[in-house]
Amino acid sequence: MINNYTVREHGIIISVDVNGINKKPNALGHDVFSFEIYGQKVIPLGSPAQKVGSAGDDDIWFNSEGFPCSIDSSDKNNGMGCTYRALNEKDYFKNLP
């Protein structure tokens, strides 16, 4: 999936279903992971370097915490911010959001 925002400074967000659309769970942070294309960089969502979803962003896709990655969140975008953790935390897949 590719999201090309109308506000240019948001860049482009690409989401990848790592095991294919026909295999479950098809869930953000479980088998669907998102990356921001910003300038010449590919930034995993949830990274401190992430540009989109920062506090004060008034775009409807974002809240004041950006994209959450929490087992307790009911936000519709919960899991989008898990990509950085999935890449960097050894036990991430033992404690999915």
PDB file of N, CA and C in Angstrom:
ATOM      1  N   MET A   1       0.855  -1.171   0.000  1.00  0.00           N
ATOM      2  CA  MET A   1       0.000   0.000   0.000  1.00  0.00           C
ATOM      3  C   MET A   1       0.899   1.230   0.000  1.00  0.00           C
ATOM      4  N   ILE A   2       0.492   2.232  -0.703  1.00  0.00           N
ATOM      5  CA  ILE A   2       1.249   3.478  -0.751  1.00  0.00           C
ATOM      6  C   ILE A   2       0.297   4.622  -0.460  1.00  0.00           C
ATOM      7  N   ASN A   3       0.663   5.456   0.529  1.00  0.00           N
ATOM      8  CA  ASN A   3      -0.101   6.664   0.846  1.00  0.00           C
ATOM      9  C   ASN A   3       0.731   7.859   0.440  1.00  0.00           C
ATOM     10  N   ASN A   4       0.251   8.615  -0.532  1.00  0.00           N
ATOM     11  CA  ASN A   4       0.923   9.821  -0.987  1.00  0.00           C
ATOM     12  C   ASN A   4       0.083  10.994  -0.515  1.00  0.00           C
ATOM     13  N   TYR A   5       0.530  11.661   0.534  1.00  0.00           N
ATOM     14  CA  TYR A   5      -0.256  12.728   1.152  1.00  0.00           C
ATOM     15  C   TYR A   5      -0.290  13.979   0.293  1.00  0.00           C
ATOM     16  N   THR A   6      -1.373  14.722   0.417  1.00  0.00           N
ATOM     17  CA  THR A   6      -1.504  15.968  -0.328  1.00  0.00           C
ATOM     18  C   THR A   6      -0.594  17.040   0.248  1.00  0.00           C
ATOM     19  N   VAL A   7      -0.251  16.928   1.518  1.00  0.00           N
ATOM     20  CA  VAL A   7       0.696  17.867   2.136  1.00  0.00           C
ATOM     21  C   VAL A   7       2.092  17.314   1.899  1.00  0.00           C
ATOM     22  N   ARG A   8       2.854  17.957   1.063  1.00  0.00           N
ATOM     23  CA  ARG A   8       4.138  17.438   0.573  1.00  0.00           C
ATOM     24  C   ARG A   8       5.129  17.086   1.682  1.00  0.00           C
ATOM     25  N   GLU A   9       5.165  17.857   2.773  1.00  0.00           N
ATOM     26  CA  GLU A   9       6.169  17.585   3.801  1.00  0.00           C
ATOM     27  C   GLU A   9       5.927  16.279   4.555  1.00  0.00           C
ATOM     28  N   HIS A  10       4.749  15.665   4.378  1.00  0.00           N
ATOM     29  CA  HIS A  10       4.497  14.381   5.022  1.00  0.00           C
ATOM     30  C   HIS A  10       5.186  13.232   4.306  1.00  0.00           C
ATOM     31  N   GLY A  11       5.672  13.458   3.107  1.00  0.00           N
ATOM     32  CA  GLY A  11       6.338  12.404   2.367  1.00  0.00           C
ATOM     33  C   GLY A  11       5.350  11.328   1.930  1.00  0.00           C
ATOM     34  N   ILE A  12       5.862  10.127   1.784  1.00  0.00           N
ATOM     35  CA  ILE A  12       5.061   8.988   1.340  1.00  0.00           C
ATOM     36  C   ILE A  12       5.205   7.891   2.381  1.00  0.00           C
ATOM     37  N   ILE A  13       4.109   7.203   2.679  1.00  0.00           N
ATOM     38  CA  ILE A  13       4.168   6.057   3.574  1.00  0.00           C
ATOM     39  C   ILE A  13       3.867   4.807   2.764  1.00  0.00           C
ATOM     40  N   ILE A  14       4.753   3.823   2.896  1.00  0.00           N
ATOM     41  CA  ILE A  14       4.577   2.536   2.232  1.00  0.00           C
ATOM     42  C   ILE A  14       4.364   1.489   3.316  1.00  0.00           C
ATOM     43  N   SER A  15       3.312   0.699   3.165  1.00  0.00           N
ATOM     44  CA  SER A  15       3.036  -0.401   4.091  1.00  0.00           C
ATOM     45  C   SER A  15       3.196  -1.714   3.337  1.00  0.00           C
ATOM     46  N   VAL A  16       3.845  -2.673   3.985  1.00  0.00           N
ATOM     47  CA  VAL A  16       4.160  -3.947   3.365  1.00  0.00           C
ATOM     48  C   VAL A  16       3.572  -5.077   4.197  1.00  0.00           C
ATOM     49  N   ASP A  17       2.820  -5.964   3.546  1.00  0.00           N
ATOM     50  CA  ASP A  17       2.325  -7.176   4.194  1.00  0.00           C
ATOM     51  C   ASP A  17       3.383  -8.239   3.921  1.00  0.00           C
ATOM     52  N   VAL A  18       4.186  -8.561   4.935  1.00  0.00           N
ATOM     53  CA  VAL A  18       5.368  -9.392   4.725  1.00  0.00           C
ATOM     54  C   VAL A  18       5.067 -10.842   4.354  1.00  0.00           C
ATOM     55  N   ASN A  19       3.880 -11.332   4.642  1.00  0.00           N
ATOM     56  CA  ASN A  19       3.568 -12.710   4.266  1.00  0.00           C
ATOM     57  C   ASN A  19       2.478 -12.781   3.188  1.00  0.00           C
ATOM     58  N   GLY A  20       2.135 -11.654   2.590  1.00  0.00           N
ATOM     59  CA  GLY A  20       1.167 -11.630   1.496  1.00  0.00           C
ATOM     60  C   GLY A  20      -0.254 -11.394   1.970  1.00  0.00           C
ATOM     61  N   ILE A  21      -1.044 -10.794   1.116  1.00  0.00           N
ATOM     62  CA  ILE A  21      -2.405 -10.389   1.471  1.00  0.00           C
ATOM     63  C   ILE A  21      -3.331 -11.581   1.735  1.00  0.00           C
ATOM     64  N   ASN A  22      -3.017 -12.727   1.170  1.00  0.00           N
ATOM     65  CA  ASN A  22      -3.893 -13.886   1.329  1.00  0.00           C
ATOM     66  C   ASN A  22      -3.601 -14.718   2.574  1.00  0.00           C
ATOM     67  N   LYS A  23      -2.587 -14.311   3.353  1.00  0.00           N
ATOM     68  CA  LYS A  23      -2.267 -15.026   4.590  1.00  0.00           C
ATOM     69  C   LYS A  23      -2.540 -14.113   5.774  1.00  0.00           C
ATOM     70  N   LYS A  24      -3.232 -14.633   6.758  1.00  0.00           N
ATOM     71  CA  LYS A  24      -3.566 -13.864   7.955  1.00  0.00           C
ATOM     72  C   LYS A  24      -2.337 -13.724   8.835  1.00  0.00           C
ATOM     73  N   PRO A  25      -2.293 -12.755   9.723  1.00  0.00           N
ATOM     74  CA  PRO A  25      -3.420 -12.032  10.278  1.00  0.00           C
ATOM     75  C   PRO A  25      -3.770 -10.730   9.554  1.00  0.00           C
ATOM     76  N   ASN A  26      -2.916 -10.258   8.627  1.00  0.00           N
ATOM     77  CA  ASN A  26      -3.155  -8.983   7.943  1.00  0.00           C
ATOM     78  C   ASN A  26      -3.447  -7.877   8.946  1.00  0.00           C
ATOM     79  N   ALA A  27      -2.564  -7.757   9.938  1.00  0.00           N
ATOM     80  CA  ALA A  27      -2.745  -6.789  11.015  1.00  0.00           C
ATOM     81  C   ALA A  27      -1.508  -5.909  11.161  1.00  0.00           C
ATOM     82  N   LEU A  28      -1.758  -4.616  11.362  1.00  0.00           N
ATOM     83  CA  LEU A  28      -0.664  -3.669  11.574  1.00  0.00           C
ATOM     84  C   LEU A  28       0.176  -4.105  12.767  1.00  0.00           C
ATOM     85  N   GLY A  29       1.484  -4.130  12.574  1.00  0.00           N
ATOM     86  CA  GLY A  29       2.395  -4.495  13.641  1.00  0.00           C
ATOM     87  C   GLY A  29       2.571  -5.982  13.839  1.00  0.00           C
ATOM     88  N   HIS A  30       1.796  -6.786  13.121  1.00  0.00           N
ATOM     89  CA  HIS A  30       1.920  -8.243  13.205  1.00  0.00           C
ATOM     90  C   HIS A  30       2.582  -8.776  11.938  1.00  0.00           C
ATOM     91  N   ASP A  31       1.960  -8.492  10.793  1.00  0.00           N
ATOM     92  CA  ASP A  31       2.563  -8.873   9.515  1.00  0.00           C
ATOM     93  C   ASP A  31       2.495  -7.740   8.488  1.00  0.00           C
ATOM     94  N   VAL A  32       1.986  -6.597   8.901  1.00  0.00           N
ATOM     95  CA  VAL A  32       1.955  -5.403   8.048  1.00  0.00           C
ATOM     96  C   VAL A  32       2.794  -4.323   8.734  1.00  0.00           C
ATOM     97  N   PHE A  33       3.816  -3.838   8.010  1.00  0.00           N
ATOM     98  CA  PHE A  33       4.740  -2.862   8.572  1.00  0.00           C
ATOM     99  C   PHE A  33       4.863  -1.669   7.640  1.00  0.00           C
ATOM    100  N   SER A  34       5.059  -0.481   8.235  1.00  0.00           N
ATOM    101  CA  SER A  34       5.015   0.764   7.465  1.00  0.00           C
ATOM    102  C   SER A  34       6.313   1.549   7.567  1.00  0.00           C
ATOM    103  N   PHE A  35       6.649   2.173   6.449  1.00  0.00           N
ATOM    104  CA  PHE A  35       7.863   2.965   6.328  1.00  0.00           C
ATOM    105  C   PHE A  35       7.524   4.311   5.712  1.00  0.00           C
ATOM    106  N   GLU A  36       8.222   5.334   6.144  1.00  0.00           N
ATOM    107  CA  GLU A  36       8.071   6.674   5.574  1.00  0.00           C
ATOM    108  C   GLU A  36       9.204   6.908   4.588  1.00  0.00           C
ATOM    109  N   ILE A  37       8.867   7.383   3.402  1.00  0.00           N
ATOM    110  CA  ILE A  37       9.871   7.812   2.438  1.00  0.00           C
ATOM    111  C   ILE A  37       9.950   9.325   2.584  1.00  0.00           C
ATOM    112  N   TYR A  38      11.071   9.793   3.072  1.00  0.00           N
ATOM    113  CA  TYR A  38      11.240  11.224   3.335  1.00  0.00           C
ATOM    114  C   TYR A  38      12.571  11.651   2.743  1.00  0.00           C
ATOM    115  N   GLY A  39      12.501  12.460   1.702  1.00  0.00           N
ATOM    116  CA  GLY A  39      13.730  12.833   0.996  1.00  0.00           C
ATOM    117  C   GLY A  39      14.339  11.590   0.375  1.00  0.00           C
ATOM    118  N   GLN A  40      15.571  11.317   0.701  1.00  0.00           N
ATOM    119  CA  GLN A  40      16.280  10.134   0.201  1.00  0.00           C
ATOM    120  C   GLN A  40      16.345   9.021   1.235  1.00  0.00           C
ATOM    121  N   LYS A  41      15.545   9.123   2.309  1.00  0.00           N
ATOM    122  CA  LYS A  41      15.611   8.150   3.396  1.00  0.00           C
ATOM    123  C   LYS A  41      14.355   7.291   3.476  1.00  0.00           C
ATOM    124  N   VAL A  42      14.539   6.051   3.912  1.00  0.00           N
ATOM    125  CA  VAL A  42      13.436   5.156   4.248  1.00  0.00           C
ATOM    126  C   VAL A  42      13.475   5.007   5.765  1.00  0.00           C
ATOM    127  N   ILE A  43      12.416   5.475   6.429  1.00  0.00           N
ATOM    128  CA  ILE A  43      12.377   5.529   7.889  1.00  0.00           C
ATOM    129  C   ILE A  43      11.262   4.607   8.388  1.00  0.00           C
ATOM    130  N   PRO A  44      11.582   3.625   9.241  1.00  0.00           N
ATOM    131  CA  PRO A  44      10.522   2.775   9.784  1.00  0.00           C
ATOM    132  C   PRO A  44       9.636   3.588  10.724  1.00  0.00           C
ATOM    133  N   LEU A  45       8.309   3.435  10.616  1.00  0.00           N
ATOM    134  CA  LEU A  45       7.426   4.180  11.510  1.00  0.00           C
ATOM    135  C   LEU A  45       7.657   3.719  12.942  1.00  0.00           C
ATOM    136  N   GLY A  46       7.592   4.681  13.849  1.00  0.00           N
ATOM    137  CA  GLY A  46       7.895   4.439  15.249  1.00  0.00           C
ATOM    138  C   GLY A  46       9.316   4.851  15.596  1.00  0.00           C
ATOM    139  N   SER A  47      10.102   5.197  14.585  1.00  0.00           N
ATOM    140  CA  SER A  47      11.486   5.613  14.787  1.00  0.00           C
ATOM    141  C   SER A  47      11.548   7.035  15.322  1.00  0.00           C
ATOM    142  N   PRO A  48      12.554   7.331  16.144  1.00  0.00           N
ATOM    143  CA  PRO A  48      12.747   8.731  16.571  1.00  0.00           C
ATOM    144  C   PRO A  48      12.991   9.666  15.378  1.00  0.00           C
ATOM    145  N   ALA A  49      13.446   9.125  14.248  1.00  0.00           N
ATOM    146  CA  ALA A  49      13.705   9.933  13.053  1.00  0.00           C
ATOM    147  C   ALA A  49      12.463  10.174  12.216  1.00  0.00           C
ATOM    148  N   GLN A  50      11.353   9.558  12.577  1.00  0.00           N
ATOM    149  CA  GLN A  50      10.098   9.681  11.815  1.00  0.00           C
ATOM    150  C   GLN A  50       9.652  11.136  11.755  1.00  0.00           C
ATOM    151  N   LYS A  51       9.194  11.553  10.587  1.00  0.00           N
ATOM    152  CA  LYS A  51       8.750  12.936  10.387  1.00  0.00           C
ATOM    153  C   LYS A  51       7.247  13.083  10.522  1.00  0.00           C
ATOM    154  N   VAL A  52       6.468  12.077  10.101  1.00  0.00           N
ATOM    155  CA  VAL A  52       5.006  12.180  10.132  1.00  0.00           C
ATOM    156  C   VAL A  52       4.470  11.816  11.506  1.00  0.00           C
ATOM    157  N   GLY A  53       3.307  12.364  11.837  1.00  0.00           N
ATOM    158  CA  GLY A  53       2.622  11.988  13.064  1.00  0.00           C
ATOM    159  C   GLY A  53       3.193  12.586  14.324  1.00  0.00           C
ATOM    160  N   SER A  54       3.986  13.634  14.202  1.00  0.00           N
ATOM    161  CA  SER A  54       4.559  14.248  15.395  1.00  0.00           C
ATOM    162  C   SER A  54       3.528  15.110  16.099  1.00  0.00           C
ATOM    163  N   ALA A  55       3.778  15.447  17.343  1.00  0.00           N
ATOM    164  CA  ALA A  55       2.843  16.255  18.131  1.00  0.00           C
ATOM    165  C   ALA A  55       2.509  17.545  17.395  1.00  0.00           C
ATOM    166  N   GLY A  56       1.252  17.907  17.397  1.00  0.00           N
ATOM    167  CA  GLY A  56       0.818  19.134  16.758  1.00  0.00           C
ATOM    168  C   GLY A  56       0.406  18.970  15.308  1.00  0.00           C
ATOM    169  N   ASP A  57       0.602  17.794  14.765  1.00  0.00           N
ATOM    170  CA  ASP A  57       0.221  17.540  13.381  1.00  0.00           C
ATOM    171  C   ASP A  57      -1.303  17.534  13.291  1.00  0.00           C
ATOM    172  N   ASP A  58      -1.862  18.301  12.380  1.00  0.00           N
ATOM    173  CA  ASP A  58      -3.321  18.396  12.317  1.00  0.00           C
ATOM    174  C   ASP A  58      -3.931  17.499  11.236  1.00  0.00           C
ATOM    175  N   ASP A  59      -3.147  16.680  10.603  1.00  0.00           N
ATOM    176  CA  ASP A  59      -3.668  15.756   9.608  1.00  0.00           C
ATOM    177  C   ASP A  59      -4.537  14.709  10.303  1.00  0.00           C
ATOM    178  N   ILE A  60      -5.658  14.332   9.722  1.00  0.00           N
ATOM    179  CA  ILE A  60      -6.584  13.416  10.386  1.00  0.00           C
ATOM    180  C   ILE A  60      -6.016  12.015  10.600  1.00  0.00           C
ATOM    181  N   TRP A  61      -4.975  11.639   9.870  1.00  0.00           N
ATOM    182  CA  TRP A  61      -4.376  10.319  10.052  1.00  0.00           C
ATOM    183  C   TRP A  61      -3.589  10.213  11.347  1.00  0.00           C
ATOM    184  N   PHE A  62      -3.222  11.335  11.915  1.00  0.00           N
ATOM    185  CA  PHE A  62      -2.301  11.311  13.040  1.00  0.00           C
ATOM    186  C   PHE A  62      -2.979  11.789  14.305  1.00  0.00           C
ATOM    187  N   ASN A  63      -2.503  11.319  15.430  1.00  0.00           N
ATOM    188  CA  ASN A  63      -2.932  11.877  16.708  1.00  0.00           C
ATOM    189  C   ASN A  63      -1.709  12.471  17.389  1.00  0.00           C
ATOM    190  N   SER A  64      -1.849  12.968  18.600  1.00  0.00           N
ATOM    191  CA  SER A  64      -0.750  13.665  19.244  1.00  0.00           C
ATOM    192  C   SER A  64       0.416  12.742  19.576  1.00  0.00           C
ATOM    193  N   GLU A  65       0.202  11.429  19.532  1.00  0.00           N
ATOM    194  CA  GLU A  65       1.280  10.483  19.809  1.00  0.00           C
ATOM    195  C   GLU A  65       1.834   9.872  18.529  1.00  0.00           C
ATOM    196  N   GLY A  66       1.421  10.365  17.370  1.00  0.00           N
ATOM    197  CA  GLY A  66       1.854   9.762  16.122  1.00  0.00           C
ATOM    198  C   GLY A  66       1.150   8.443  15.914  1.00  0.00           C
ATOM    199  N   PHE A  67       1.841   7.476  15.372  1.00  0.00           N
ATOM    200  CA  PHE A  67       1.262   6.152  15.157  1.00  0.00           C
ATOM    201  C   PHE A  67       1.590   5.286  16.364  1.00  0.00           C
ATOM    202  N   PRO A  68       0.600   4.838  17.112  1.00  0.00           N
ATOM    203  CA  PRO A  68       0.871   4.067  18.327  1.00  0.00           C
ATOM    204  C   PRO A  68       1.299   2.625  18.044  1.00  0.00           C
ATOM    205  N   CYS A  69       1.930   2.055  19.044  1.00  0.00           N
ATOM    206  CA  CYS A  69       2.310   0.646  19.033  1.00  0.00           C
ATOM    207  C   CYS A  69       2.109   0.162  20.463  1.00  0.00           C
ATOM    208  N   SER A  70       0.876  -0.170  20.790  1.00  0.00           N
ATOM    209  CA  SER A  70       0.553  -0.507  22.173  1.00  0.00           C
ATOM    210  C   SER A  70      -0.538  -1.570  22.239  1.00  0.00           C
ATOM    211  N   ILE A  71      -0.372  -2.516  23.128  1.00  0.00           N
ATOM    212  CA  ILE A  71      -1.392  -3.548  23.328  1.00  0.00           C
ATOM    213  C   ILE A  71      -2.674  -2.947  23.902  1.00  0.00           C
ATOM    214  N   ASP A  72      -2.564  -1.775  24.537  1.00  0.00           N
ATOM    215  CA  ASP A  72      -3.709  -1.127  25.176  1.00  0.00           C
ATOM    216  C   ASP A  72      -4.411  -0.092  24.311  1.00  0.00           C
ATOM    217  N   SER A  73      -3.883   0.196  23.128  1.00  0.00           N
ATOM    218  CA  SER A  73      -4.456   1.241  22.283  1.00  0.00           C
ATOM    219  C   SER A  73      -5.614   0.730  21.446  1.00  0.00           C
ATOM    220  N   SER A  74      -6.649   1.567  21.348  1.00  0.00           N
ATOM    221  CA  SER A  74      -7.769   1.254  20.450  1.00  0.00           C
ATOM    222  C   SER A  74      -7.752   2.173  19.229  1.00  0.00           C
ATOM    223  N   ASP A  75      -6.683   2.947  19.069  1.00  0.00           N
ATOM    224  CA  ASP A  75      -6.526   3.842  17.927  1.00  0.00           C
ATOM    225  C   ASP A  75      -6.576   3.038  16.630  1.00  0.00           C
ATOM    226  N   LYS A  76      -7.251   3.557  15.609  1.00  0.00           N
ATOM    227  CA  LYS A  76      -7.391   2.833  14.338  1.00  0.00           C
ATOM    228  C   LYS A  76      -6.048   2.583  13.653  1.00  0.00           C
ATOM    229  N   ASN A  77      -5.030   3.372  13.988  1.00  0.00           N
ATOM    230  CA  ASN A  77      -3.708   3.211  13.397  1.00  0.00           C
ATOM    231  C   ASN A  77      -2.746   2.441  14.300  1.00  0.00           C
ATOM    232  N   ASN A  78      -3.263   1.861  15.389  1.00  0.00           N
ATOM    233  CA  ASN A  78      -2.388   1.121  16.288  1.00  0.00           C
ATOM    234  C   ASN A  78      -1.686   0.005  15.528  1.00  0.00           C
ATOM    235  N   GLY A  79      -0.396  -0.059  15.694  1.00  0.00           N
ATOM    236  CA  GLY A  79       0.425  -1.048  15.002  1.00  0.00           C
ATOM    237  C   GLY A  79       1.277  -0.441  13.916  1.00  0.00           C
ATOM    238  N   MET A  80       0.862   0.693  13.349  1.00  0.00           N
ATOM    239  CA  MET A  80       1.669   1.322  12.300  1.00  0.00           C
ATOM    240  C   MET A  80       3.004   1.799  12.856  1.00  0.00           C
ATOM    241  N   GLY A  81       3.016   2.190  14.108  1.00  0.00           N
ATOM    242  CA  GLY A  81       4.247   2.673  14.729  1.00  0.00           C
ATOM    243  C   GLY A  81       5.127   1.565  15.277  1.00  0.00           C
ATOM    244  N   CYS A  82       4.835   0.315  14.966  1.00  0.00           N
ATOM    245  CA  CYS A  82       5.587  -0.820  15.499  1.00  0.00           C
ATOM    246  C   CYS A  82       6.780  -1.233  14.642  1.00  0.00           C
ATOM    247  N   THR A  83       6.902  -0.707  13.456  1.00  0.00           N
ATOM    248  CA  THR A  83       7.944  -1.171  12.543  1.00  0.00           C
ATOM    249  C   THR A  83       9.333  -1.007  13.137  1.00  0.00           C
ATOM    250  N   TYR A  84       9.613   0.136  13.729  1.00  0.00           N
ATOM    251  CA  TYR A  84      10.926   0.374  14.326  1.00  0.00           C
ATOM    252  C   TYR A  84      11.211  -0.645  15.423  1.00  0.00           C
ATOM    253  N   ARG A  85      10.219  -0.883  16.280  1.00  0.00           N
ATOM    254  CA  ARG A  85      10.389  -1.858  17.369  1.00  0.00           C
ATOM    255  C   ARG A  85      10.598  -3.264  16.821  1.00  0.00           C
ATOM    256  N   ALA A  86       9.839  -3.643  15.789  1.00  0.00           N
ATOM    257  CA  ALA A  86       9.971  -4.979  15.205  1.00  0.00           C
ATOM    258  C   ALA A  86      11.381  -5.201  14.650  1.00  0.00           C
ATOM    259  N   LEU A  87      11.973  -4.150  14.120  1.00  0.00           N
ATOM    260  CA  LEU A  87      13.323  -4.250  13.565  1.00  0.00           C
ATOM    261  C   LEU A  87      14.417  -4.228  14.635  1.00  0.00           C
ATOM    262  N   ASN A  88      14.119  -3.663  15.809  1.00  0.00           N
ATOM    263  CA  ASN A  88      15.170  -3.428  16.795  1.00  0.00           C
ATOM    264  C   ASN A  88      15.039  -4.166  18.130  1.00  0.00           C
ATOM    265  N   GLU A  89      13.881  -4.734  18.410  1.00  0.00           N
ATOM    266  CA  GLU A  89      13.696  -5.438  19.680  1.00  0.00           C
ATOM    267  C   GLU A  89      13.706  -6.949  19.457  1.00  0.00           C
ATOM    268  N   LYS A  90      14.617  -7.620  20.111  1.00  0.00           N
ATOM    269  CA  LYS A  90      14.813  -9.051  19.934  1.00  0.00           C
ATOM    270  C   LYS A  90      13.535  -9.860  20.219  1.00  0.00           C
ATOM    271  N   ASP A  91      12.780  -9.493  21.243  1.00  0.00           N
ATOM    272  CA  ASP A  91      11.594 -10.240  21.655  1.00  0.00           C
ATOM    273  C   ASP A  91      10.283  -9.619  21.176  1.00  0.00           C
ATOM    274  N   TYR A  92      10.352  -8.725  20.197  1.00  0.00           N
ATOM    275  CA  TYR A  92       9.148  -8.022  19.740  1.00  0.00           C
ATOM    276  C   TYR A  92       8.006  -8.983  19.380  1.00  0.00           C
ATOM    277  N   PHE A  93       8.284 -10.023  18.627  1.00  0.00           N
ATOM    278  CA  PHE A  93       7.215 -10.907  18.147  1.00  0.00           C
ATOM    279  C   PHE A  93       6.657 -11.828  19.227  1.00  0.00           C
ATOM    280  N   LYS A  94       7.241 -11.812  20.405  1.00  0.00           N
ATOM    281  CA  LYS A  94       6.693 -12.562  21.540  1.00  0.00           C
ATOM    282  C   LYS A  94       5.664 -11.727  22.291  1.00  0.00           C
ATOM    283  N   ASN A  95       5.620 -10.411  22.024  1.00  0.00           N
ATOM    284  CA  ASN A  95       4.732  -9.484  22.737  1.00  0.00           C
ATOM    285  C   ASN A  95       4.040  -8.544  21.766  1.00  0.00           C
ATOM    286  N   LEU A  96       3.307  -9.076  20.823  1.00  0.00           N
ATOM    287  CA  LEU A  96       2.677  -8.261  19.784  1.00  0.00           C
ATOM    288  C   LEU A  96       1.599  -7.343  20.353  1.00  0.00           C
ATOM    289  N   PRO A  97       1.459  -6.139  19.743  1.00  0.00           N
ATOM    290  CA  PRO A  97       0.422  -5.201  20.204  1.00  0.00           C
ATOM    291  C   PRO A  97      -0.973  -5.680  19.839  1.00  0.00           C
TER     292      PRO A  97
END
